[in-house]
């Protein structure tokens, strides 16, 4: 599998560059979760980073790569429920 050195911005990983595995489309995953172990032996803290464009070309407006930005909410964007939002699906909080 291919990997790409991807920079991280914000949060505890600010300024670091890590090799991230690329998917079938050649892009890194939309969210990157980093589990950090608790020193007291409790459950690990999970840092969530979202993929954002690194820059765009001036002429065509194409994305010139990706970087990860820290998401302090920890939800990672998207629908929030961790599943795709289909047009025929009902909202999760309504009854029948």
PDB file of N, CA and C in Angstrom:
ATOM      1  N   UNK A   1       0.844  -1.184   0.000  1.00  0.00           N
ATOM      2  CA  UNK A   1       0.000   0.000   0.000  1.00  0.00           C
ATOM      3  C   UNK A   1       0.883   1.239   0.000  1.00  0.00           C
ATOM      4  N   UNK A   2       0.357   2.294  -0.589  1.00  0.00           N
ATOM      5  CA  UNK A   2       1.089   3.549  -0.641  1.00  0.00           C
ATOM      6  C   UNK A   2       0.813   4.365   0.606  1.00  0.00           C
ATOM      7  N   UNK A   3       1.783   5.159   0.975  1.00  0.00           N
ATOM      8  CA  UNK A   3       1.597   6.098   2.072  1.00  0.00           C
ATOM      9  C   UNK A   3       2.118   7.458   1.631  1.00  0.00           C
ATOM     10  N   UNK A   4       1.668   8.479   2.338  1.00  0.00           N
ATOM     11  CA  UNK A   4       2.038   9.851   2.012  1.00  0.00           C
ATOM     12  C   UNK A   4       2.359  10.572   3.310  1.00  0.00           C
ATOM     13  N   UNK A   5       3.455  11.328   3.336  1.00  0.00           N
ATOM     14  CA  UNK A   5       3.785  12.128   4.508  1.00  0.00           C
ATOM     15  C   UNK A   5       2.791  13.282   4.591  1.00  0.00           C
ATOM     16  N   UNK A   6       2.023  13.313   5.673  1.00  0.00           N
ATOM     17  CA  UNK A   6       0.934  14.282   5.824  1.00  0.00           C
ATOM     18  C   UNK A   6       1.166  15.125   7.071  1.00  0.00           C
ATOM     19  N   UNK A   7       1.143  16.469   6.956  1.00  0.00           N
ATOM     20  CA  UNK A   7       1.336  17.327   8.124  1.00  0.00           C
ATOM     21  C   UNK A   7       0.065  17.423   8.975  1.00  0.00           C
ATOM     22  N   UNK A   8       0.266  17.664  10.273  1.00  0.00           N
ATOM     23  CA  UNK A   8      -0.825  17.843  11.230  1.00  0.00           C
ATOM     24  C   UNK A   8      -0.753  19.260  11.775  1.00  0.00           C
ATOM     25  N   UNK A   9      -1.922  19.909  11.914  1.00  0.00           N
ATOM     26  CA  UNK A   9      -1.991  21.274  12.444  1.00  0.00           C
ATOM     27  C   UNK A   9      -2.922  21.313  13.644  1.00  0.00           C
ATOM     28  N   UNK A  10      -2.505  22.024  14.666  1.00  0.00           N
ATOM     29  CA  UNK A  10      -3.325  22.212  15.853  1.00  0.00           C
ATOM     30  C   UNK A  10      -3.259  21.026  16.796  1.00  0.00           C
ATOM     31  N   UNK A  11      -3.683  21.257  18.015  1.00  0.00           N
ATOM     32  CA  UNK A  11      -3.716  20.179  18.998  1.00  0.00           C
ATOM     33  C   UNK A  11      -2.327  19.699  19.393  1.00  0.00           C
ATOM     34  N   UNK A  12      -2.254  18.564  20.044  1.00  0.00           N
ATOM     35  CA  UNK A  12      -0.963  18.039  20.516  1.00  0.00           C
ATOM     36  C   UNK A  12      -0.016  17.609  19.395  1.00  0.00           C
ATOM     37  N   UNK A  13      -0.524  17.332  18.205  1.00  0.00           N
ATOM     38  CA  UNK A  13       0.310  16.859  17.097  1.00  0.00           C
ATOM     39  C   UNK A  13       0.762  18.000  16.182  1.00  0.00           C
ATOM     40  N   UNK A  14       0.603  19.245  16.604  1.00  0.00           N
ATOM     41  CA  UNK A  14       0.904  20.398  15.765  1.00  0.00           C
ATOM     42  C   UNK A  14       2.355  20.384  15.286  1.00  0.00           C
ATOM     43  N   UNK A  15       2.537  20.525  13.977  1.00  0.00           N
ATOM     44  CA  UNK A  15       3.861  20.585  13.396  1.00  0.00           C
ATOM     45  C   UNK A  15       4.472  19.249  13.037  1.00  0.00           C
ATOM     46  N   UNK A  16       3.847  18.157  13.401  1.00  0.00           N
ATOM     47  CA  UNK A  16       4.399  16.839  13.084  1.00  0.00           C
ATOM     48  C   UNK A  16       3.948  16.384  11.710  1.00  0.00           C
ATOM     49  N   UNK A  17       4.762  15.568  11.098  1.00  0.00           N
ATOM     50  CA  UNK A  17       4.448  14.984   9.797  1.00  0.00           C
ATOM     51  C   UNK A  17       4.543  13.471   9.951  1.00  0.00           C
ATOM     52  N   UNK A  18       3.445  12.775   9.653  1.00  0.00           N
ATOM     53  CA  UNK A  18       3.401  11.320   9.777  1.00  0.00           C
ATOM     54  C   UNK A  18       3.066  10.678   8.444  1.00  0.00           C
ATOM     55  N   UNK A  19       3.599   9.483   8.176  1.00  0.00           N
ATOM     56  CA  UNK A  19       3.178   8.767   6.974  1.00  0.00           C
ATOM     57  C   UNK A  19       1.782   8.187   7.195  1.00  0.00           C
ATOM     58  N   UNK A  20       0.855   8.501   6.292  1.00  0.00           N
ATOM     59  CA  UNK A  20      -0.529   8.061   6.394  1.00  0.00           C
ATOM     60  C   UNK A  20      -0.834   7.183   5.187  1.00  0.00           C
ATOM     61  N   UNK A  21      -1.423   6.015   5.429  1.00  0.00           N
ATOM     62  CA  UNK A  21      -1.790   5.120   4.335  1.00  0.00           C
ATOM     63  C   UNK A  21      -2.875   5.744   3.474  1.00  0.00           C
ATOM     64  N   UNK A  22      -2.731   5.593   2.161  1.00  0.00           N
ATOM     65  CA  UNK A  22      -3.710   6.123   1.224  1.00  0.00           C
ATOM     66  C   UNK A  22      -4.733   5.056   0.894  1.00  0.00           C
ATOM     67  N   UNK A  23      -5.947   5.488   0.601  1.00  0.00           N
ATOM     68  CA  UNK A  23      -7.015   4.564   0.241  1.00  0.00           C
ATOM     69  C   UNK A  23      -6.949   4.195  -1.230  1.00  0.00           C
ATOM     70  N   UNK A  24      -7.989   3.545  -1.691  1.00  0.00           N
ATOM     71  CA  UNK A  24      -8.050   3.099  -3.079  1.00  0.00           C
ATOM     72  C   UNK A  24      -8.090   4.273  -4.057  1.00  0.00           C
ATOM     73  N   UNK A  25      -8.590   5.415  -3.627  1.00  0.00           N
ATOM     74  CA  UNK A  25      -8.673   6.592  -4.498  1.00  0.00           C
ATOM     75  C   UNK A  25      -7.389   7.403  -4.514  1.00  0.00           C
ATOM     76  N   UNK A  26      -6.423   7.041  -3.661  1.00  0.00           N
ATOM     77  CA  UNK A  26      -5.175   7.784  -3.582  1.00  0.00           C
ATOM     78  C   UNK A  26      -5.210   8.928  -2.595  1.00  0.00           C
ATOM     79  N   UNK A  27      -6.283   9.012  -1.805  1.00  0.00           N
ATOM     80  CA  UNK A  27      -6.417  10.061  -0.801  1.00  0.00           C
ATOM     81  C   UNK A  27      -6.278   9.466   0.593  1.00  0.00           C
ATOM     82  N   UNK A  28      -5.775  10.248   1.554  1.00  0.00           N
ATOM     83  CA  UNK A  28      -5.772   9.776   2.937  1.00  0.00           C
ATOM     84  C   UNK A  28      -7.202   9.769   3.489  1.00  0.00           C
ATOM     85  N   UNK A  29      -7.456   9.070   4.592  1.00  0.00           N
ATOM     86  CA  UNK A  29      -8.815   9.032   5.155  1.00  0.00           C
ATOM     87  C   UNK A  29      -9.306  10.421   5.571  1.00  0.00           C
ATOM     88  N   UNK A  30     -10.637  10.599   5.583  1.00  0.00           N
ATOM     89  CA  UNK A  30     -11.218  11.906   5.926  1.00  0.00           C
ATOM     90  C   UNK A  30     -10.971  12.268   7.382  1.00  0.00           C
ATOM     91  N   UNK A  31     -10.974  11.292   8.258  1.00  0.00           N
ATOM     92  CA  UNK A  31     -10.662  11.541   9.663  1.00  0.00           C
ATOM     93  C   UNK A  31      -9.537  10.621  10.090  1.00  0.00           C
ATOM     94  N   UNK A  32      -8.697  11.102  10.993  1.00  0.00           N
ATOM     95  CA  UNK A  32      -7.578  10.337  11.508  1.00  0.00           C
ATOM     96  C   UNK A  32      -7.691  10.372  13.022  1.00  0.00           C
ATOM     97  N   UNK A  33      -7.844   9.219  13.625  1.00  0.00           N
ATOM     98  CA  UNK A  33      -8.020   9.124  15.075  1.00  0.00           C
ATOM     99  C   UNK A  33      -6.753   8.561  15.704  1.00  0.00           C
ATOM    100  N   UNK A  34      -6.249   9.250  16.737  1.00  0.00           N
ATOM    101  CA  UNK A  34      -5.027   8.844  17.418  1.00  0.00           C
ATOM    102  C   UNK A  34      -5.370   8.542  18.874  1.00  0.00           C
ATOM    103  N   UNK A  35      -5.336   7.267  19.297  1.00  0.00           N
ATOM    104  CA  UNK A  35      -5.585   6.954  20.705  1.00  0.00           C
ATOM    105  C   UNK A  35      -4.348   7.274  21.544  1.00  0.00           C
ATOM    106  N   UNK A  36      -4.545   8.012  22.630  1.00  0.00           N
ATOM    107  CA  UNK A  36      -3.465   8.371  23.549  1.00  0.00           C
ATOM    108  C   UNK A  36      -3.749   7.666  24.870  1.00  0.00           C
ATOM    109  N   UNK A  37      -2.856   6.761  25.310  1.00  0.00           N
ATOM    110  CA  UNK A  37      -3.121   6.031  26.551  1.00  0.00           C
ATOM    111  C   UNK A  37      -3.141   6.957  27.769  1.00  0.00           C
ATOM    112  N   UNK A  38      -3.993   6.616  28.724  1.00  0.00           N
ATOM    113  CA  UNK A  38      -4.104   7.377  29.965  1.00  0.00           C
ATOM    114  C   UNK A  38      -2.996   6.912  30.911  1.00  0.00           C
ATOM    115  N   UNK A  39      -2.239   7.842  31.524  1.00  0.00           N
ATOM    116  CA  UNK A  39      -1.155   7.413  32.418  1.00  0.00           C
ATOM    117  C   UNK A  39      -1.661   6.699  33.673  1.00  0.00           C
ATOM    118  N   UNK A  40      -2.931   6.933  34.068  1.00  0.00           N
ATOM    119  CA  UNK A  40      -3.481   6.301  35.262  1.00  0.00           C
ATOM    120  C   UNK A  40      -4.117   4.942  34.969  1.00  0.00           C
ATOM    121  N   UNK A  41      -4.066   4.498  33.717  1.00  0.00           N
ATOM    122  CA  UNK A  41      -4.626   3.198  33.368  1.00  0.00           C
ATOM    123  C   UNK A  41      -6.088   3.244  32.973  1.00  0.00           C
ATOM    124  N   UNK A  42      -6.656   4.411  32.817  1.00  0.00           N
ATOM    125  CA  UNK A  42      -8.052   4.548  32.415  1.00  0.00           C
ATOM    126  C   UNK A  42      -8.215   4.374  30.915  1.00  0.00           C
ATOM    127  N   UNK A  43      -9.392   4.688  30.423  1.00  0.00           N
ATOM    128  CA  UNK A  43      -9.609   4.570  28.970  1.00  0.00           C
ATOM    129  C   UNK A  43      -8.770   5.599  28.223  1.00  0.00           C
ATOM    130  N   UNK A  44      -8.300   5.245  27.018  1.00  0.00           N
ATOM    131  CA  UNK A  44      -7.460   6.189  26.275  1.00  0.00           C
ATOM    132  C   UNK A  44      -8.256   7.376  25.750  1.00  0.00           C
ATOM    133  N   UNK A  45      -7.573   8.510  25.640  1.00  0.00           N
ATOM    134  CA  UNK A  45      -8.138   9.700  25.023  1.00  0.00           C
ATOM    135  C   UNK A  45      -7.902   9.602  23.520  1.00  0.00           C
ATOM    136  N   UNK A  46      -8.911   9.920  22.725  1.00  0.00           N
ATOM    137  CA  UNK A  46      -8.788   9.823  21.283  1.00  0.00           C
ATOM    138  C   UNK A  46      -8.732  11.228  20.689  1.00  0.00           C
ATOM    139  N   UNK A  47      -7.634  11.527  19.991  1.00  0.00           N
ATOM    140  CA  UNK A  47      -7.492  12.798  19.289  1.00  0.00           C
ATOM    141  C   UNK A  47      -8.040  12.614  17.880  1.00  0.00           C
ATOM    142  N   UNK A  48      -8.872  13.549  17.426  1.00  0.00           N
ATOM    143  CA  UNK A  48      -9.483  13.448  16.101  1.00  0.00           C
ATOM    144  C   UNK A  48      -8.977  14.591  15.239  1.00  0.00           C
ATOM    145  N   UNK A  49      -8.501  14.234  14.053  1.00  0.00           N
ATOM    146  CA  UNK A  49      -8.044  15.206  13.072  1.00  0.00           C
ATOM    147  C   UNK A  49      -8.854  15.029  11.798  1.00  0.00           C
ATOM    148  N   UNK A  50      -9.260  16.148  11.167  1.00  0.00           N
ATOM    149  CA  UNK A  50     -10.022  16.131   9.909  1.00  0.00           C
ATOM    150  C   UNK A  50      -9.104  16.458   8.739  1.00  0.00           C
ATOM    151  N   UNK A  51      -9.329  15.825   7.614  1.00  0.00           N
ATOM    152  CA  UNK A  51      -8.557  16.095   6.399  1.00  0.00           C
ATOM    153  C   UNK A  51      -9.067  17.379   5.759  1.00  0.00           C
ATOM    154  N   UNK A  52      -8.146  18.295   5.463  1.00  0.00           N
ATOM    155  CA  UNK A  52      -8.481  19.545   4.785  1.00  0.00           C
ATOM    156  C   UNK A  52      -7.477  19.746   3.654  1.00  0.00           C
ATOM    157  N   UNK A  53      -7.851  20.483   2.601  1.00  0.00           N
ATOM    158  CA  UNK A  53      -6.902  20.726   1.512  1.00  0.00           C
ATOM    159  C   UNK A  53      -5.709  21.541   1.990  1.00  0.00           C
ATOM    160  N   UNK A  54      -4.527  21.176   1.519  1.00  0.00           N
ATOM    161  CA  UNK A  54      -3.305  21.901   1.884  1.00  0.00           C
ATOM    162  C   UNK A  54      -3.213  23.207   1.126  1.00  0.00           C
ATOM    163  N   UNK A  55      -3.673  23.210  -0.112  1.00  0.00           N
ATOM    164  CA  UNK A  55      -3.653  24.410  -0.942  1.00  0.00           C
ATOM    165  C   UNK A  55      -4.287  24.097  -2.280  1.00  0.00           C
ATOM    166  N   UNK A  56      -4.463  25.137  -3.091  1.00  0.00           N
ATOM    167  CA  UNK A  56      -5.043  24.956  -4.415  1.00  0.00           C
ATOM    168  C   UNK A  56      -4.146  25.608  -5.449  1.00  0.00           C
ATOM    169  N   UNK A  57      -4.125  25.002  -6.636  1.00  0.00           N
ATOM    170  CA  UNK A  57      -3.348  25.605  -7.717  1.00  0.00           C
ATOM    171  C   UNK A  57      -4.051  26.883  -8.178  1.00  0.00           C
ATOM    172  N   UNK A  58      -3.267  27.843  -8.627  1.00  0.00           N
ATOM    173  CA  UNK A  58      -3.842  29.136  -9.007  1.00  0.00           C
ATOM    174  C   UNK A  58      -4.639  29.055 -10.306  1.00  0.00           C
ATOM    175  N   UNK A  59      -4.165  28.250 -11.216  1.00  0.00           N
ATOM    176  CA  UNK A  59      -4.767  28.252 -12.540  1.00  0.00           C
ATOM    177  C   UNK A  59      -6.055  27.435 -12.612  1.00  0.00           C
ATOM    178  N   UNK A  60      -6.011  26.196 -12.135  1.00  0.00           N
ATOM    179  CA  UNK A  60      -7.181  25.323 -12.261  1.00  0.00           C
ATOM    180  C   UNK A  60      -7.971  25.145 -10.965  1.00  0.00           C
ATOM    181  N   UNK A  61      -7.410  25.537  -9.839  1.00  0.00           N
ATOM    182  CA  UNK A  61      -8.108  25.383  -8.571  1.00  0.00           C
ATOM    183  C   UNK A  61      -8.095  23.963  -8.043  1.00  0.00           C
ATOM    184  N   UNK A  62      -7.133  23.151  -8.487  1.00  0.00           N
ATOM    185  CA  UNK A  62      -7.038  21.774  -8.032  1.00  0.00           C
ATOM    186  C   UNK A  62      -6.368  21.701  -6.667  1.00  0.00           C
ATOM    187  N   UNK A  63      -6.725  20.693  -5.886  1.00  0.00           N
ATOM    188  CA  UNK A  63      -6.132  20.498  -4.576  1.00  0.00           C
ATOM    189  C   UNK A  63      -4.693  20.021  -4.739  1.00  0.00           C
ATOM    190  N   UNK A  64      -3.766  20.646  -4.011  1.00  0.00           N
ATOM    191  CA  UNK A  64      -2.348  20.310  -4.119  1.00  0.00           C
ATOM    192  C   UNK A  64      -1.889  19.384  -3.010  1.00  0.00           C
ATOM    193  N   UNK A  65      -2.769  18.704  -2.381  1.00  0.00           N
ATOM    194  CA  UNK A  65      -2.402  17.795  -1.305  1.00  0.00           C
ATOM    195  C   UNK A  65      -3.326  17.998  -0.118  1.00  0.00           C
ATOM    196  N   UNK A  66      -3.063  17.238   0.930  1.00  0.00           N
ATOM    197  CA  UNK A  66      -3.933  17.256   2.098  1.00  0.00           C
ATOM    198  C   UNK A  66      -3.116  17.463   3.360  1.00  0.00           C
ATOM    199  N   UNK A  67      -3.761  17.983   4.377  1.00  0.00           N
ATOM    200  CA  UNK A  67      -3.203  18.076   5.719  1.00  0.00           C
ATOM    201  C   UNK A  67      -4.325  17.764   6.689  1.00  0.00           C
ATOM    202  N   UNK A  68      -3.980  17.528   7.930  1.00  0.00           N
ATOM    203  CA  UNK A  68      -4.980  17.229   8.949  1.00  0.00           C
ATOM    204  C   UNK A  68      -5.058  18.387   9.930  1.00  0.00           C
ATOM    205  N   UNK A  69      -6.283  18.836  10.218  1.00  0.00           N
ATOM    206  CA  UNK A  69      -6.534  19.902  11.185  1.00  0.00           C
ATOM    207  C   UNK A  69      -7.202  19.293  12.417  1.00  0.00           C
ATOM    208  N   UNK A  70      -6.810  19.746  13.589  1.00  0.00           N
ATOM    209  CA  UNK A  70      -7.323  19.216  14.852  1.00  0.00           C
ATOM    210  C   UNK A  70      -8.797  19.555  15.006  1.00  0.00           C
ATOM    211  N   UNK A  71      -9.579  18.568  15.431  1.00  0.00           N
ATOM    212  CA  UNK A  71     -11.007  18.751  15.687  1.00  0.00           C
ATOM    213  C   UNK A  71     -11.234  18.601  17.185  1.00  0.00           C
ATOM    214  N   UNK A  72     -11.306  19.717  17.942  1.00  0.00           N
ATOM    215  CA  UNK A  72     -11.443  19.617  19.400  1.00  0.00           C
ATOM    216  C   UNK A  72     -12.770  19.013  19.849  1.00  0.00           C
ATOM    217  N   UNK A  73     -13.808  19.025  18.987  1.00  0.00           N
ATOM    218  CA  UNK A  73     -15.080  18.428  19.381  1.00  0.00           C
ATOM    219  C   UNK A  73     -14.990  16.911  19.414  1.00  0.00           C
ATOM    220  N   UNK A  74     -14.100  16.339  18.600  1.00  0.00           N
ATOM    221  CA  UNK A  74     -13.917  14.899  18.597  1.00  0.00           C
ATOM    222  C   UNK A  74     -14.922  14.140  17.774  1.00  0.00           C
ATOM    223  N   UNK A  75     -15.790  14.831  17.048  1.00  0.00           N
ATOM    224  CA  UNK A  75     -16.807  14.149  16.251  1.00  0.00           C
ATOM    225  C   UNK A  75     -16.287  13.769  14.877  1.00  0.00           C
ATOM    226  N   UNK A  76     -15.331  14.490  14.348  1.00  0.00           N
ATOM    227  CA  UNK A  76     -14.752  14.165  13.062  1.00  0.00           C
ATOM    228  C   UNK A  76     -15.574  14.604  11.873  1.00  0.00           C
ATOM    229  N   UNK A  77     -16.582  15.434  12.065  1.00  0.00           N
ATOM    230  CA  UNK A  77     -17.385  15.912  10.948  1.00  0.00           C
ATOM    231  C   UNK A  77     -18.365  14.868  10.476  1.00  0.00           C
ATOM    232  N   UNK A  78     -18.928  15.088   9.318  1.00  0.00           N
ATOM    233  CA  UNK A  78     -19.892  14.132   8.765  1.00  0.00           C
ATOM    234  C   UNK A  78     -21.247  14.256   9.419  1.00  0.00           C
ATOM    235  N   UNK A  79     -22.019  13.183   9.398  1.00  0.00           N
ATOM    236  CA  UNK A  79     -23.376  13.210   9.928  1.00  0.00           C
ATOM    237  C   UNK A  79     -23.397  13.145  11.442  1.00  0.00           C
ATOM    238  N   UNK A  80     -22.267  12.814  12.077  1.00  0.00           N
ATOM    239  CA  UNK A  80     -22.221  12.746  13.523  1.00  0.00           C
ATOM    240  C   UNK A  80     -22.579  11.383  14.055  1.00  0.00           C
ATOM    241  N   UNK A  81     -23.343  10.600  13.304  1.00  0.00           N
ATOM    242  CA  UNK A  81     -23.746   9.280  13.766  1.00  0.00           C
ATOM    243  C   UNK A  81     -22.780   8.206  13.287  1.00  0.00           C
ATOM    244  N   UNK A  82     -21.806   8.575  12.461  1.00  0.00           N
ATOM    245  CA  UNK A  82     -20.846   7.621  11.975  1.00  0.00           C
ATOM    246  C   UNK A  82     -21.355   6.778  10.818  1.00  0.00           C
ATOM    247  N   UNK A  83     -22.415   7.196  10.189  1.00  0.00           N
ATOM    248  CA  UNK A  83     -22.959   6.464   9.049  1.00  0.00           C
ATOM    249  C   UNK A  83     -23.352   7.455   7.962  1.00  0.00           C
ATOM    250  N   UNK A  84     -23.502   6.993   6.718  1.00  0.00           N
ATOM    251  CA  UNK A  84     -23.866   7.915   5.644  1.00  0.00           C
ATOM    252  C   UNK A  84     -25.268   8.489   5.830  1.00  0.00           C
ATOM    253  N   UNK A  85     -25.465   9.687   5.328  1.00  0.00           N
ATOM    254  CA  UNK A  85     -26.771  10.330   5.409  1.00  0.00           C
ATOM    255  C   UNK A  85     -27.450  10.167   4.052  1.00  0.00           C
ATOM    256  N   UNK A  86     -28.361   9.214   3.975  1.00  0.00           N
ATOM    257  CA  UNK A  86     -29.067   8.943   2.733  1.00  0.00           C
ATOM    258  C   UNK A  86     -30.331   9.793   2.665  1.00  0.00           C
ATOM    259  N   UNK A  87     -30.756  10.206   1.477  1.00  0.00           N
ATOM    260  CA  UNK A  87     -31.939  11.064   1.370  1.00  0.00           C
ATOM    261  C   UNK A  87     -33.218  10.368   1.820  1.00  0.00           C
ATOM    262  N   UNK A  88     -33.273   9.041   1.785  1.00  0.00           N
ATOM    263  CA  UNK A  88     -34.496   8.325   2.164  1.00  0.00           C
ATOM    264  C   UNK A  88     -34.495   7.895   3.629  1.00  0.00           C
ATOM    265  N   UNK A  89     -33.428   8.237   4.374  1.00  0.00           N
ATOM    266  CA  UNK A  89     -33.357   7.847   5.777  1.00  0.00           C
ATOM    267  C   UNK A  89     -34.058   8.873   6.662  1.00  0.00           C
ATOM    268  N   UNK A  90     -34.649   8.362   7.714  1.00  0.00           N
ATOM    269  CA  UNK A  90     -35.242   9.252   8.705  1.00  0.00           C
ATOM    270  C   UNK A  90     -34.168   9.751   9.652  1.00  0.00           C
ATOM    271  N   UNK A  91     -34.352  10.925  10.239  1.00  0.00           N
ATOM    272  CA  UNK A  91     -33.409  11.372  11.265  1.00  0.00           C
ATOM    273  C   UNK A  91     -33.388  10.397  12.428  1.00  0.00           C
ATOM    274  N   UNK A  92     -32.253  10.252  13.093  1.00  0.00           N
ATOM    275  CA  UNK A  92     -32.091   9.265  14.154  1.00  0.00           C
ATOM    276  C   UNK A  92     -32.903   9.605  15.405  1.00  0.00           C
ATOM    277  N   UNK A  93     -33.245  10.893  15.626  1.00  0.00           N
ATOM    278  CA  UNK A  93     -33.907  11.278  16.865  1.00  0.00           C
ATOM    279  C   UNK A  93     -35.434  11.297  16.772  1.00  0.00           C
ATOM    280  N   UNK A  94     -36.058  10.880  15.660  1.00  0.00           N
ATOM    281  CA  UNK A  94     -37.513  10.866  15.567  1.00  0.00           C
ATOM    282  C   UNK A  94     -38.028   9.460  15.720  1.00  0.00           C
ATOM    283  N   UNK A  95     -39.247   9.347  16.231  1.00  0.00           N
ATOM    284  CA  UNK A  95     -39.883   8.039  16.393  1.00  0.00           C
ATOM    285  C   UNK A  95     -40.862   7.814  15.264  1.00  0.00           C
ATOM    286  N   UNK A  96     -40.781   6.620  14.661  1.00  0.00           N
ATOM    287  CA  UNK A  96     -41.632   6.061  13.700  1.00  0.00           C
ATOM    288  C   UNK A  96     -42.320   6.772  12.671  1.00  0.00           C
TER     289      UNK A  96
END
